[in-house]
Amino acid sequence: MKLSITNIVILLAAVCALGVAFYLSTAKKPIRRLDYYGPREYNSQTHDTDYHRVSDFRLIDQFGQTITLDSFRNKIFVANFFYATCPGICKKMNYELEQAIKGFAGNSRVKFISYTVDPEHDSAAVLLQYAQLHQAAPYQWYFLTGDKKQIYDLARKSYFVAAEDSGHGNFVHTDNMVLVDAKHHLRGYYHGTDSAEVSKMVGDIHLLLQEEK
């Protein structure tokens, strides 16, 4: 049976439509890029301005090992501030973090850092017990203690979160979690007690992983 010109045109149009649909379904879509946070600063290595980066530090983890910013070279990480005897937001925040971390189990490119704002009480031994309570994967979820001034300077001047000493032995801390890219730029802030916000953070971590590819 011969096809009419009309039928041929319809057939070609259908083939073209299928081809376009296939292309659109398989074509690589542009990656949504996350914003940068903090001021632009002078970079002495490149002699140019660059987005703010997390400052270096030298602290102790839950195993008593010395940890510096270089320990997270080329790693994406999330940072938060807490203390082990906190009766309020820390429990909820670190529960949410515990759930989020499960999705990155064994992923060596993604790390998590919890800085204590009560280093006088939170020794490495105390933090190890706390880490075990939250089933923290060793060398993926770090609990850091050390010099109090250094930790508070990191909170205020490096991560730009509110973690201030009230002056009466209490801590006015924050539920903020901060997402940091592999070059140590600040790329996201999230309320760590809000499940929806933490879910968004997980999605943004995946975006950074794609961005680095």
N, C-alpha and C. Protein backbone atom coordinates (compact mmCIF):
# COMPACT_ATOMS: atom_id res chain seq x y z
N MET A 1 0.84 -1.19 0.00
CA MET A 1 0.00 0.00 0.00
C MET A 1 0.87 1.24 0.00
N LYS A 2 0.59 2.12 -0.95
CA LYS A 2 1.39 3.34 -1.03
C LYS A 2 0.89 4.38 -0.02
N LEU A 3 1.86 5.10 0.56
CA LEU A 3 1.52 6.16 1.50
C LEU A 3 1.28 7.45 0.74
N SER A 4 0.27 8.15 1.14
CA SER A 4 0.01 9.46 0.53
C SER A 4 1.02 10.46 1.05
N ILE A 5 1.15 11.58 0.35
CA ILE A 5 2.05 12.64 0.79
C ILE A 5 1.67 13.12 2.18
N THR A 6 0.36 13.20 2.43
CA THR A 6 -0.10 13.66 3.74
C THR A 6 0.35 12.71 4.85
N ASN A 7 0.21 11.40 4.56
CA ASN A 7 0.63 10.42 5.56
C ASN A 7 2.14 10.46 5.80
N ILE A 8 2.88 10.67 4.73
CA ILE A 8 4.34 10.76 4.86
C ILE A 8 4.73 11.96 5.73
N VAL A 9 4.07 13.09 5.47
CA VAL A 9 4.36 14.30 6.26
C VAL A 9 4.04 14.07 7.73
N ILE A 10 2.90 13.42 7.99
CA ILE A 10 2.51 13.14 9.38
C ILE A 10 3.53 12.21 10.04
N LEU A 11 3.98 11.20 9.29
CA LEU A 11 4.96 10.24 9.82
C LEU A 11 6.27 10.93 10.14
N LEU A 12 6.75 11.78 9.22
CA LEU A 12 7.99 12.51 9.46
C LEU A 12 7.87 13.43 10.67
N ALA A 13 6.72 14.09 10.78
CA ALA A 13 6.50 14.99 11.92
C ALA A 13 6.54 14.22 13.23
N ALA A 14 5.96 13.02 13.23
CA ALA A 14 5.95 12.20 14.43
C ALA A 14 7.36 11.77 14.82
N VAL A 15 8.15 11.37 13.80
CA VAL A 15 9.54 10.96 14.05
C VAL A 15 10.35 12.12 14.61
N CYS A 16 10.16 13.31 14.04
CA CYS A 16 10.87 14.50 14.52
C CYS A 16 10.49 14.83 15.96
N ALA A 17 9.19 14.70 16.24
CA ALA A 17 8.72 14.99 17.61
C ALA A 17 9.33 14.03 18.61
N LEU A 18 9.41 12.75 18.23
CA LEU A 18 10.03 11.76 19.11
C LEU A 18 11.51 12.06 19.31
N GLY A 19 12.17 12.49 18.24
CA GLY A 19 13.59 12.82 18.33
C GLY A 19 13.83 13.99 19.27
N VAL A 20 13.01 15.03 19.14
CA VAL A 20 13.14 16.20 20.02
C VAL A 20 12.89 15.80 21.47
N ALA A 21 11.85 14.98 21.69
CA ALA A 21 11.53 14.55 23.05
C ALA A 21 12.69 13.76 23.66
N PHE A 22 13.29 12.87 22.83
CA PHE A 22 14.42 12.08 23.32
C PHE A 22 15.60 12.98 23.68
N TYR A 23 15.89 13.97 22.81
CA TYR A 23 17.00 14.88 23.07
C TYR A 23 16.79 15.66 24.36
N LEU A 24 15.58 16.17 24.54
CA LEU A 24 15.29 16.97 25.74
C LEU A 24 15.38 16.14 27.01
N SER A 25 15.06 14.85 26.89
CA SER A 25 15.10 13.99 28.08
C SER A 25 16.51 13.56 28.43
N THR A 26 17.41 13.57 27.46
CA THR A 26 18.78 13.09 27.71
C THR A 26 19.82 14.20 27.73
N ALA A 27 19.46 15.38 27.23
CA ALA A 27 20.44 16.47 27.19
C ALA A 27 20.80 16.91 28.60
N LYS A 28 22.04 17.26 28.81
CA LYS A 28 22.49 17.72 30.11
C LYS A 28 21.91 19.10 30.41
N LYS A 29 21.27 19.19 31.56
CA LYS A 29 20.71 20.46 31.98
C LYS A 29 21.75 21.24 32.78
N PRO A 30 21.73 22.57 32.70
CA PRO A 30 22.68 23.37 33.49
C PRO A 30 22.50 23.10 34.98
N ILE A 31 23.61 23.00 35.70
CA ILE A 31 23.56 22.76 37.13
C ILE A 31 23.20 24.07 37.85
N ARG A 32 22.21 24.00 38.73
CA ARG A 32 21.90 25.18 39.55
C ARG A 32 23.03 25.39 40.53
N ARG A 33 23.61 26.57 40.51
CA ARG A 33 24.75 26.85 41.36
C ARG A 33 24.32 27.59 42.63
N LEU A 34 24.94 27.22 43.73
CA LEU A 34 24.62 27.84 45.01
C LEU A 34 25.31 29.20 45.13
N ASP A 35 24.71 30.07 45.93
CA ASP A 35 25.29 31.38 46.18
C ASP A 35 26.54 31.26 47.05
N TYR A 36 27.32 32.33 47.06
CA TYR A 36 28.45 32.48 47.98
C TYR A 36 28.04 33.44 49.08
N TYR A 37 28.55 33.20 50.29
CA TYR A 37 28.22 34.06 51.42
C TYR A 37 29.49 34.68 51.99
N GLY A 38 29.31 35.84 52.60
CA GLY A 38 30.44 36.54 53.20
C GLY A 38 31.05 37.54 52.23
N PRO A 39 31.92 38.41 52.75
CA PRO A 39 32.52 39.46 51.91
C PRO A 39 33.57 38.91 50.96
N ARG A 40 33.82 39.65 49.90
CA ARG A 40 34.95 39.32 49.03
C ARG A 40 36.21 39.85 49.70
N GLU A 41 37.29 39.06 49.64
CA GLU A 41 38.52 39.39 50.36
C GLU A 41 39.73 39.28 49.43
N TYR A 42 40.80 39.94 49.80
CA TYR A 42 42.02 39.91 49.00
C TYR A 42 42.72 38.57 49.20
N ASN A 43 43.10 37.95 48.09
CA ASN A 43 43.81 36.68 48.11
C ASN A 43 45.27 36.95 47.76
N SER A 44 46.15 36.74 48.72
CA SER A 44 47.58 37.04 48.52
C SER A 44 48.24 36.11 47.51
N GLN A 45 47.64 34.94 47.26
CA GLN A 45 48.22 33.99 46.31
C GLN A 45 47.90 34.38 44.88
N THR A 46 46.66 34.80 44.66
CA THR A 46 46.25 35.15 43.29
C THR A 46 46.32 36.66 43.04
N HIS A 47 46.57 37.43 44.11
CA HIS A 47 46.61 38.90 44.02
C HIS A 47 45.30 39.44 43.43
N ASP A 48 44.22 38.85 43.88
CA ASP A 48 42.90 39.26 43.42
C ASP A 48 41.93 39.08 44.58
N THR A 49 40.73 39.62 44.43
CA THR A 49 39.73 39.41 45.48
C THR A 49 39.02 38.09 45.22
N ASP A 50 38.63 37.45 46.30
CA ASP A 50 37.96 36.16 46.22
C ASP A 50 36.88 36.13 47.30
N TYR A 51 35.93 35.22 47.15
CA TYR A 51 34.91 35.07 48.17
C TYR A 51 35.55 34.60 49.48
N HIS A 52 34.94 35.00 50.58
CA HIS A 52 35.42 34.65 51.92
C HIS A 52 35.62 33.14 52.04
N ARG A 53 36.69 32.77 52.72
CA ARG A 53 36.97 31.36 53.00
C ARG A 53 37.05 31.14 54.50
N VAL A 54 36.77 29.93 54.93
CA VAL A 54 36.89 29.57 56.33
C VAL A 54 38.35 29.71 56.76
N SER A 55 38.57 30.28 57.94
CA SER A 55 39.93 30.46 58.46
C SER A 55 40.50 29.14 58.95
N ASP A 56 41.81 29.07 58.95
CA ASP A 56 42.49 27.87 59.44
C ASP A 56 42.28 27.74 60.95
N PHE A 57 42.40 26.54 61.45
CA PHE A 57 42.26 26.29 62.88
C PHE A 57 43.10 25.09 63.27
N ARG A 58 43.28 24.93 64.55
CA ARG A 58 44.04 23.79 65.08
C ARG A 58 43.34 23.32 66.35
N LEU A 59 42.57 22.23 66.24
CA LEU A 59 41.75 21.76 67.34
C LEU A 59 41.92 20.25 67.50
N ILE A 60 41.22 19.68 68.47
CA ILE A 60 41.34 18.26 68.79
C ILE A 60 40.01 17.57 68.54
N ASP A 61 40.05 16.40 67.91
CA ASP A 61 38.79 15.68 67.65
C ASP A 61 38.48 14.72 68.78
N GLN A 62 37.41 13.95 68.63
CA GLN A 62 36.95 13.05 69.69
C GLN A 62 37.91 11.91 69.97
N PHE A 63 38.88 11.71 69.09
CA PHE A 63 39.89 10.67 69.31
C PHE A 63 41.20 11.24 69.86
N GLY A 64 41.20 12.55 70.14
CA GLY A 64 42.40 13.19 70.67
C GLY A 64 43.41 13.55 69.61
N GLN A 65 43.02 13.49 68.34
CA GLN A 65 43.92 13.80 67.24
C GLN A 65 43.81 15.27 66.86
N THR A 66 44.93 15.86 66.46
CA THR A 66 44.95 17.24 66.03
C THR A 66 44.34 17.36 64.64
N ILE A 67 43.38 18.28 64.51
CA ILE A 67 42.68 18.51 63.25
C ILE A 67 42.84 19.97 62.84
N THR A 68 43.16 20.21 61.57
CA THR A 68 43.26 21.56 61.04
C THR A 68 42.35 21.68 59.83
N LEU A 69 42.26 22.88 59.29
CA LEU A 69 41.45 23.05 58.09
C LEU A 69 42.00 22.20 56.95
N ASP A 70 43.30 22.00 56.94
CA ASP A 70 43.92 21.20 55.88
C ASP A 70 43.46 19.74 55.92
N SER A 71 42.95 19.31 57.07
CA SER A 71 42.40 17.95 57.17
C SER A 71 41.20 17.78 56.25
N PHE A 72 40.62 18.91 55.81
CA PHE A 72 39.44 18.88 54.94
C PHE A 72 39.75 19.46 53.56
N ARG A 73 40.99 19.31 53.15
CA ARG A 73 41.39 19.79 51.83
C ARG A 73 40.60 19.06 50.75
N ASN A 74 40.04 19.83 49.83
CA ASN A 74 39.25 19.30 48.71
C ASN A 74 38.02 18.50 49.18
N LYS A 75 37.53 18.83 50.37
CA LYS A 75 36.33 18.17 50.89
C LYS A 75 35.20 19.19 51.03
N ILE A 76 34.00 18.74 50.75
CA ILE A 76 32.81 19.50 51.09
C ILE A 76 32.48 19.16 52.54
N PHE A 77 32.12 20.17 53.34
CA PHE A 77 31.73 19.83 54.71
C PHE A 77 30.65 20.76 55.24
N VAL A 78 29.97 20.25 56.26
CA VAL A 78 28.94 21.01 56.98
C VAL A 78 29.46 21.25 58.39
N ALA A 79 29.33 22.48 58.88
CA ALA A 79 29.78 22.82 60.23
C ALA A 79 28.61 23.29 61.07
N ASN A 80 28.65 22.92 62.35
CA ASN A 80 27.68 23.47 63.30
C ASN A 80 28.35 23.63 64.67
N PHE A 81 27.67 24.31 65.59
CA PHE A 81 28.20 24.59 66.92
C PHE A 81 27.20 24.09 67.96
N PHE A 82 27.71 23.44 69.00
CA PHE A 82 26.85 22.81 70.00
C PHE A 82 27.64 22.67 71.30
N TYR A 83 27.03 22.09 72.33
CA TYR A 83 27.80 21.58 73.46
C TYR A 83 27.09 20.37 74.04
N ALA A 84 27.86 19.46 74.61
CA ALA A 84 27.37 18.13 74.94
C ALA A 84 26.27 18.13 76.00
N THR A 85 26.29 19.08 76.93
CA THR A 85 25.28 19.10 77.99
C THR A 85 24.10 19.99 77.64
N CYS A 86 24.03 20.48 76.42
CA CYS A 86 22.93 21.34 75.98
C CYS A 86 21.60 20.59 76.09
N PRO A 87 20.65 21.14 76.85
CA PRO A 87 19.38 20.45 77.04
C PRO A 87 18.35 20.78 75.96
N GLY A 88 18.66 21.73 75.09
CA GLY A 88 17.66 22.23 74.15
C GLY A 88 17.92 21.88 72.70
N ILE A 89 18.29 22.91 71.92
CA ILE A 89 18.31 22.76 70.46
C ILE A 89 19.38 21.80 69.96
N CYS A 90 20.44 21.59 70.74
CA CYS A 90 21.54 20.74 70.25
C CYS A 90 21.07 19.31 69.99
N LYS A 91 20.21 18.81 70.88
CA LYS A 91 19.74 17.43 70.71
C LYS A 91 18.98 17.28 69.39
N LYS A 92 18.07 18.20 69.14
CA LYS A 92 17.29 18.16 67.91
C LYS A 92 18.20 18.38 66.69
N MET A 93 19.09 19.36 66.79
CA MET A 93 19.97 19.68 65.67
C MET A 93 20.86 18.49 65.30
N ASN A 94 21.47 17.86 66.30
CA ASN A 94 22.37 16.77 66.00
C ASN A 94 21.63 15.49 65.63
N TYR A 95 20.36 15.36 66.06
CA TYR A 95 19.54 14.25 65.57
C TYR A 95 19.30 14.42 64.07
N GLU A 96 18.93 15.64 63.67
CA GLU A 96 18.70 15.91 62.25
C GLU A 96 19.98 15.70 61.44
N LEU A 97 21.09 16.11 62.00
CA LEU A 97 22.38 15.94 61.32
C LEU A 97 22.71 14.46 61.18
N GLU A 98 22.43 13.72 62.23
CA GLU A 98 22.67 12.27 62.20
C GLU A 98 21.90 11.61 61.06
N GLN A 99 20.66 12.03 60.86
CA GLN A 99 19.86 11.46 59.77
C GLN A 99 20.42 11.85 58.41
N ALA A 100 20.85 13.11 58.29
CA ALA A 100 21.40 13.60 57.02
C ALA A 100 22.68 12.87 56.64
N ILE A 101 23.51 12.60 57.62
CA ILE A 101 24.81 11.99 57.36
C ILE A 101 24.65 10.57 56.81
N LYS A 102 23.59 9.89 57.20
CA LYS A 102 23.39 8.52 56.73
C LYS A 102 23.37 8.43 55.21
N GLY A 103 22.90 9.50 54.57
CA GLY A 103 22.85 9.50 53.11
C GLY A 103 24.20 9.63 52.45
N PHE A 104 25.24 9.93 53.25
CA PHE A 104 26.59 10.10 52.69
C PHE A 104 27.58 9.10 53.29
N ALA A 105 27.05 8.05 53.87
CA ALA A 105 27.90 7.03 54.50
C ALA A 105 28.92 6.50 53.50
N GLY A 106 30.18 6.54 53.89
CA GLY A 106 31.24 6.03 53.03
C GLY A 106 31.69 6.99 51.95
N ASN A 107 31.06 8.17 51.85
CA ASN A 107 31.46 9.15 50.84
C ASN A 107 32.62 9.97 51.38
N SER A 108 33.81 9.73 50.88
CA SER A 108 35.00 10.38 51.42
C SER A 108 35.09 11.86 51.05
N ARG A 109 34.22 12.33 50.15
CA ARG A 109 34.27 13.73 49.72
C ARG A 109 33.42 14.64 50.59
N VAL A 110 32.60 14.04 51.47
CA VAL A 110 31.69 14.83 52.29
C VAL A 110 31.98 14.58 53.77
N LYS A 111 32.21 15.66 54.52
CA LYS A 111 32.52 15.56 55.95
C LYS A 111 31.57 16.45 56.75
N PHE A 112 31.56 16.25 58.06
CA PHE A 112 30.71 17.02 58.96
C PHE A 112 31.53 17.38 60.20
N ILE A 113 31.42 18.63 60.64
CA ILE A 113 32.19 19.11 61.79
C ILE A 113 31.24 19.74 62.80
N SER A 114 31.30 19.26 64.04
CA SER A 114 30.55 19.86 65.14
C SER A 114 31.56 20.42 66.14
N TYR A 115 31.59 21.75 66.25
CA TYR A 115 32.49 22.42 67.19
C TYR A 115 31.76 22.62 68.53
N THR A 116 32.41 22.26 69.63
CA THR A 116 31.81 22.54 70.92
C THR A 116 32.08 23.99 71.33
N VAL A 117 31.05 24.65 71.89
CA VAL A 117 31.24 26.01 72.41
C VAL A 117 31.47 25.96 73.92
N ASP A 118 31.65 24.75 74.46
CA ASP A 118 31.95 24.56 75.88
C ASP A 118 33.17 23.66 76.03
N PRO A 119 34.32 24.11 75.49
CA PRO A 119 35.50 23.23 75.48
C PRO A 119 36.04 22.92 76.87
N GLU A 120 35.73 23.76 77.88
CA GLU A 120 36.21 23.47 79.24
C GLU A 120 35.59 22.18 79.77
N HIS A 121 34.37 21.91 79.38
CA HIS A 121 33.70 20.68 79.80
C HIS A 121 33.85 19.57 78.77
N ASP A 122 33.76 19.94 77.51
CA ASP A 122 33.73 18.93 76.44
C ASP A 122 35.14 18.53 76.02
N SER A 123 35.72 17.64 76.80
CA SER A 123 37.04 17.08 76.45
C SER A 123 36.87 16.10 75.30
N ALA A 124 37.98 15.61 74.80
CA ALA A 124 37.93 14.61 73.72
C ALA A 124 37.15 13.38 74.18
N ALA A 125 37.35 12.98 75.45
CA ALA A 125 36.66 11.80 75.96
C ALA A 125 35.14 12.02 76.02
N VAL A 126 34.73 13.21 76.45
CA VAL A 126 33.30 13.54 76.49
C VAL A 126 32.72 13.54 75.09
N LEU A 127 33.46 14.12 74.15
CA LEU A 127 32.97 14.18 72.77
C LEU A 127 32.91 12.80 72.13
N LEU A 128 33.81 11.92 72.52
CA LEU A 128 33.77 10.56 71.98
C LEU A 128 32.49 9.85 72.43
N GLN A 129 32.13 10.02 73.70
CA GLN A 129 30.89 9.44 74.19
C GLN A 129 29.69 10.03 73.46
N TYR A 130 29.73 11.33 73.24
CA TYR A 130 28.64 12.01 72.53
C TYR A 130 28.55 11.51 71.08
N ALA A 131 29.69 11.35 70.45
CA ALA A 131 29.73 10.86 69.07
C ALA A 131 29.15 9.46 68.98
N GLN A 132 29.49 8.62 69.94
CA GLN A 132 28.98 7.25 69.95
C GLN A 132 27.48 7.24 70.17
N LEU A 133 26.98 8.18 71.00
CA LEU A 133 25.55 8.29 71.24
C LEU A 133 24.79 8.57 69.95
N HIS A 134 25.43 9.34 69.06
CA HIS A 134 24.80 9.70 67.78
C HIS A 134 25.29 8.82 66.63
N GLN A 135 25.96 7.71 66.96
CA GLN A 135 26.42 6.75 65.96
C GLN A 135 27.23 7.45 64.85
N ALA A 136 28.08 8.37 65.28
CA ALA A 136 28.88 9.15 64.33
C ALA A 136 29.94 8.28 63.67
N ALA A 137 29.96 8.31 62.35
CA ALA A 137 30.95 7.54 61.60
C ALA A 137 32.33 8.16 61.80
N PRO A 138 33.30 7.42 62.31
CA PRO A 138 34.65 7.96 62.50
C PRO A 138 35.22 8.49 61.19
N TYR A 139 35.87 9.64 61.29
CA TYR A 139 36.55 10.29 60.16
C TYR A 139 35.57 10.79 59.09
N GLN A 140 34.28 10.81 59.43
CA GLN A 140 33.32 11.51 58.58
C GLN A 140 32.60 12.59 59.38
N TRP A 141 32.25 12.28 60.62
CA TRP A 141 31.64 13.27 61.51
C TRP A 141 32.62 13.55 62.64
N TYR A 142 33.17 14.76 62.62
CA TYR A 142 34.19 15.18 63.58
C TYR A 142 33.56 16.05 64.67
N PHE A 143 33.92 15.78 65.92
CA PHE A 143 33.55 16.62 67.05
C PHE A 143 34.83 17.26 67.57
N LEU A 144 34.89 18.59 67.51
CA LEU A 144 36.15 19.29 67.80
C LEU A 144 36.07 20.13 69.06
N THR A 145 37.16 20.11 69.81
CA THR A 145 37.31 20.90 71.02
C THR A 145 38.70 21.53 71.01
N GLY A 146 38.93 22.43 71.96
CA GLY A 146 40.24 23.08 72.03
C GLY A 146 40.13 24.47 72.63
N ASP A 147 40.93 25.39 72.12
CA ASP A 147 40.97 26.74 72.64
C ASP A 147 39.64 27.45 72.40
N LYS A 148 39.05 27.95 73.51
CA LYS A 148 37.73 28.56 73.42
C LYS A 148 37.72 29.80 72.52
N LYS A 149 38.72 30.65 72.65
CA LYS A 149 38.77 31.88 71.84
C LYS A 149 38.82 31.53 70.36
N GLN A 150 39.62 30.53 70.04
CA GLN A 150 39.74 30.12 68.63
C GLN A 150 38.39 29.65 68.09
N ILE A 151 37.67 28.86 68.89
CA ILE A 151 36.38 28.34 68.46
C ILE A 151 35.37 29.47 68.27
N TYR A 152 35.36 30.41 69.24
CA TYR A 152 34.40 31.51 69.14
C TYR A 152 34.75 32.46 68.00
N ASP A 153 36.03 32.64 67.75
CA ASP A 153 36.44 33.45 66.60
C ASP A 153 35.99 32.80 65.30
N LEU A 154 36.11 31.48 65.24
CA LEU A 154 35.63 30.77 64.05
C LEU A 154 34.14 30.99 63.85
N ALA A 155 33.38 30.90 64.94
CA ALA A 155 31.93 31.06 64.85
C ALA A 155 31.56 32.46 64.38
N ARG A 156 32.20 33.46 64.97
CA ARG A 156 31.81 34.85 64.70
C ARG A 156 32.41 35.40 63.42
N LYS A 157 33.68 35.11 63.17
CA LYS A 157 34.40 35.79 62.10
C LYS A 157 34.64 34.93 60.86
N SER A 158 34.47 33.63 61.01
CA SER A 158 34.76 32.74 59.89
C SER A 158 33.49 32.15 59.29
N TYR A 159 32.62 31.62 60.18
CA TYR A 159 31.36 31.05 59.71
C TYR A 159 30.21 32.05 59.78
N PHE A 160 30.42 33.15 60.49
CA PHE A 160 29.40 34.21 60.63
C PHE A 160 28.10 33.67 61.22
N VAL A 161 28.22 32.89 62.29
CA VAL A 161 27.04 32.45 63.03
C VAL A 161 27.11 33.01 64.44
N ALA A 162 25.96 33.13 65.09
CA ALA A 162 25.91 33.71 66.44
C ALA A 162 26.21 32.64 67.46
N ALA A 163 27.38 32.71 68.04
CA ALA A 163 27.75 31.78 69.10
C ALA A 163 28.50 32.58 70.15
N GLU A 164 27.79 33.35 70.93
CA GLU A 164 28.40 34.30 71.85
C GLU A 164 28.21 33.88 73.30
N ASP A 165 29.24 34.13 74.11
CA ASP A 165 29.20 33.84 75.53
C ASP A 165 28.38 34.94 76.21
N SER A 166 27.40 34.54 77.01
CA SER A 166 26.55 35.53 77.67
C SER A 166 27.27 36.24 78.79
N GLY A 167 28.42 35.72 79.20
CA GLY A 167 29.16 36.32 80.30
C GLY A 167 28.80 35.72 81.65
N HIS A 168 27.89 34.78 81.67
CA HIS A 168 27.45 34.16 82.93
C HIS A 168 27.62 32.65 82.89
N GLY A 169 28.52 32.20 82.07
CA GLY A 169 28.78 30.77 81.97
C GLY A 169 27.81 30.03 81.08
N ASN A 170 26.86 30.75 80.50
CA ASN A 170 25.92 30.14 79.57
C ASN A 170 26.31 30.46 78.14
N PHE A 171 25.75 29.73 77.22
CA PHE A 171 26.12 29.91 75.83
C PHE A 171 24.90 30.27 74.99
N VAL A 172 25.00 31.40 74.35
CA VAL A 172 23.96 31.78 73.40
C VAL A 172 24.42 31.26 72.05
N HIS A 173 23.99 30.06 71.70
CA HIS A 173 24.51 29.43 70.49
C HIS A 173 23.45 29.43 69.41
N THR A 174 23.69 28.70 68.37
CA THR A 174 22.86 28.80 67.17
C THR A 174 22.49 27.42 66.66
N ASP A 175 21.36 27.36 65.96
CA ASP A 175 21.00 26.09 65.31
C ASP A 175 21.42 26.09 63.84
N ASN A 176 22.19 27.09 63.43
CA ASN A 176 22.63 27.17 62.04
C ASN A 176 23.61 26.06 61.69
N MET A 177 23.40 25.48 60.52
CA MET A 177 24.40 24.61 59.91
C MET A 177 24.93 25.34 58.69
N VAL A 178 26.23 25.25 58.46
CA VAL A 178 26.86 26.00 57.38
C VAL A 178 27.49 25.02 56.39
N LEU A 179 27.13 25.17 55.13
CA LEU A 179 27.68 24.32 54.07
C LEU A 179 28.89 25.00 53.46
N VAL A 180 30.00 24.27 53.38
CA VAL A 180 31.28 24.80 52.90
C VAL A 180 31.74 23.95 51.72
N ASP A 181 32.17 24.61 50.64
CA ASP A 181 32.60 23.85 49.46
C ASP A 181 34.05 23.41 49.58
N ALA A 182 34.54 22.71 48.57
CA ALA A 182 35.88 22.12 48.62
C ALA A 182 36.99 23.16 48.64
N LYS A 183 36.67 24.41 48.30
CA LYS A 183 37.66 25.49 48.38
C LYS A 183 37.46 26.33 49.63
N HIS A 184 36.60 25.83 50.52
CA HIS A 184 36.35 26.43 51.83
C HIS A 184 35.57 27.74 51.76
N HIS A 185 34.77 27.92 50.70
CA HIS A 185 33.83 29.04 50.61
C HIS A 185 32.53 28.66 51.32
N LEU A 186 31.85 29.65 51.87
CA LEU A 186 30.55 29.44 52.50
C LEU A 186 29.49 29.40 51.40
N ARG A 187 28.68 28.33 51.36
CA ARG A 187 27.73 28.17 50.25
C ARG A 187 26.28 27.97 50.70
N GLY A 188 26.04 27.88 52.01
CA GLY A 188 24.65 27.73 52.44
C GLY A 188 24.50 27.77 53.94
N TYR A 189 23.36 28.29 54.40
CA TYR A 189 22.99 28.33 55.82
C TYR A 189 21.62 27.66 55.99
N TYR A 190 21.47 26.87 57.04
CA TYR A 190 20.25 26.11 57.26
C TYR A 190 19.94 26.03 58.75
N HIS A 191 18.65 26.09 59.10
CA HIS A 191 18.23 25.89 60.49
C HIS A 191 18.26 24.39 60.77
N GLY A 192 19.17 24.00 61.62
CA GLY A 192 19.41 22.59 61.86
C GLY A 192 18.34 21.86 62.64
N THR A 193 17.39 22.60 63.22
CA THR A 193 16.30 21.94 63.94
C THR A 193 15.07 21.75 63.05
N ASP A 194 15.15 22.21 61.81
CA ASP A 194 14.04 22.14 60.87
C ASP A 194 14.32 21.04 59.84
N SER A 195 13.51 20.00 59.86
CA SER A 195 13.74 18.85 58.97
C SER A 195 13.75 19.25 57.50
N ALA A 196 12.86 20.19 57.13
CA ALA A 196 12.79 20.62 55.73
C ALA A 196 14.07 21.34 55.33
N GLU A 197 14.59 22.15 56.24
CA GLU A 197 15.84 22.87 55.95
C GLU A 197 17.01 21.90 55.81
N VAL A 198 17.05 20.92 56.67
CA VAL A 198 18.13 19.93 56.61
C VAL A 198 18.03 19.12 55.32
N SER A 199 16.82 18.81 54.89
CA SER A 199 16.63 18.11 53.62
C SER A 199 17.14 18.96 52.46
N LYS A 200 16.88 20.25 52.53
CA LYS A 200 17.39 21.17 51.50
C LYS A 200 18.92 21.16 51.50
N MET A 201 19.51 21.15 52.69
CA MET A 201 20.97 21.10 52.80
C MET A 201 21.53 19.85 52.13
N VAL A 202 20.87 18.72 52.35
CA VAL A 202 21.30 17.47 51.71
C VAL A 202 21.28 17.62 50.19
N GLY A 203 20.20 18.21 49.68
CA GLY A 203 20.13 18.45 48.23
C GLY A 203 21.23 19.37 47.75
N ASP A 204 21.55 20.38 48.54
CA ASP A 204 22.60 21.33 48.14
C ASP A 204 23.98 20.69 48.18
N ILE A 205 24.18 19.75 49.08
CA ILE A 205 25.45 19.01 49.08
C ILE A 205 25.60 18.26 47.76
N HIS A 206 24.54 17.65 47.31
CA HIS A 206 24.58 16.93 46.03
C HIS A 206 24.85 17.90 44.87
N LEU A 207 24.30 19.12 44.96
CA LEU A 207 24.58 20.12 43.94
C LEU A 207 26.06 20.47 43.91
N LEU A 208 26.66 20.62 45.08
CA LEU A 208 28.10 20.93 45.12
C LEU A 208 28.92 19.77 44.54
N LEU A 209 28.51 18.55 44.82
CA LEU A 209 29.22 17.40 44.27
C LEU A 209 29.16 17.41 42.74
N GLN A 210 28.01 17.79 42.19
CA GLN A 210 27.87 17.91 40.73
C GLN A 210 28.70 19.09 40.21
N GLU A 211 28.65 20.18 40.93
CA GLU A 211 29.37 21.39 40.51
C GLU A 211 30.86 21.12 40.38
N GLU A 212 31.39 20.33 41.28
CA GLU A 212 32.83 20.05 41.27
C GLU A 212 33.23 19.13 40.12
N LYS A 213 32.25 18.39 39.60
CA LYS A 213 32.57 17.53 38.44
C LYS A 213 32.79 18.35 37.18
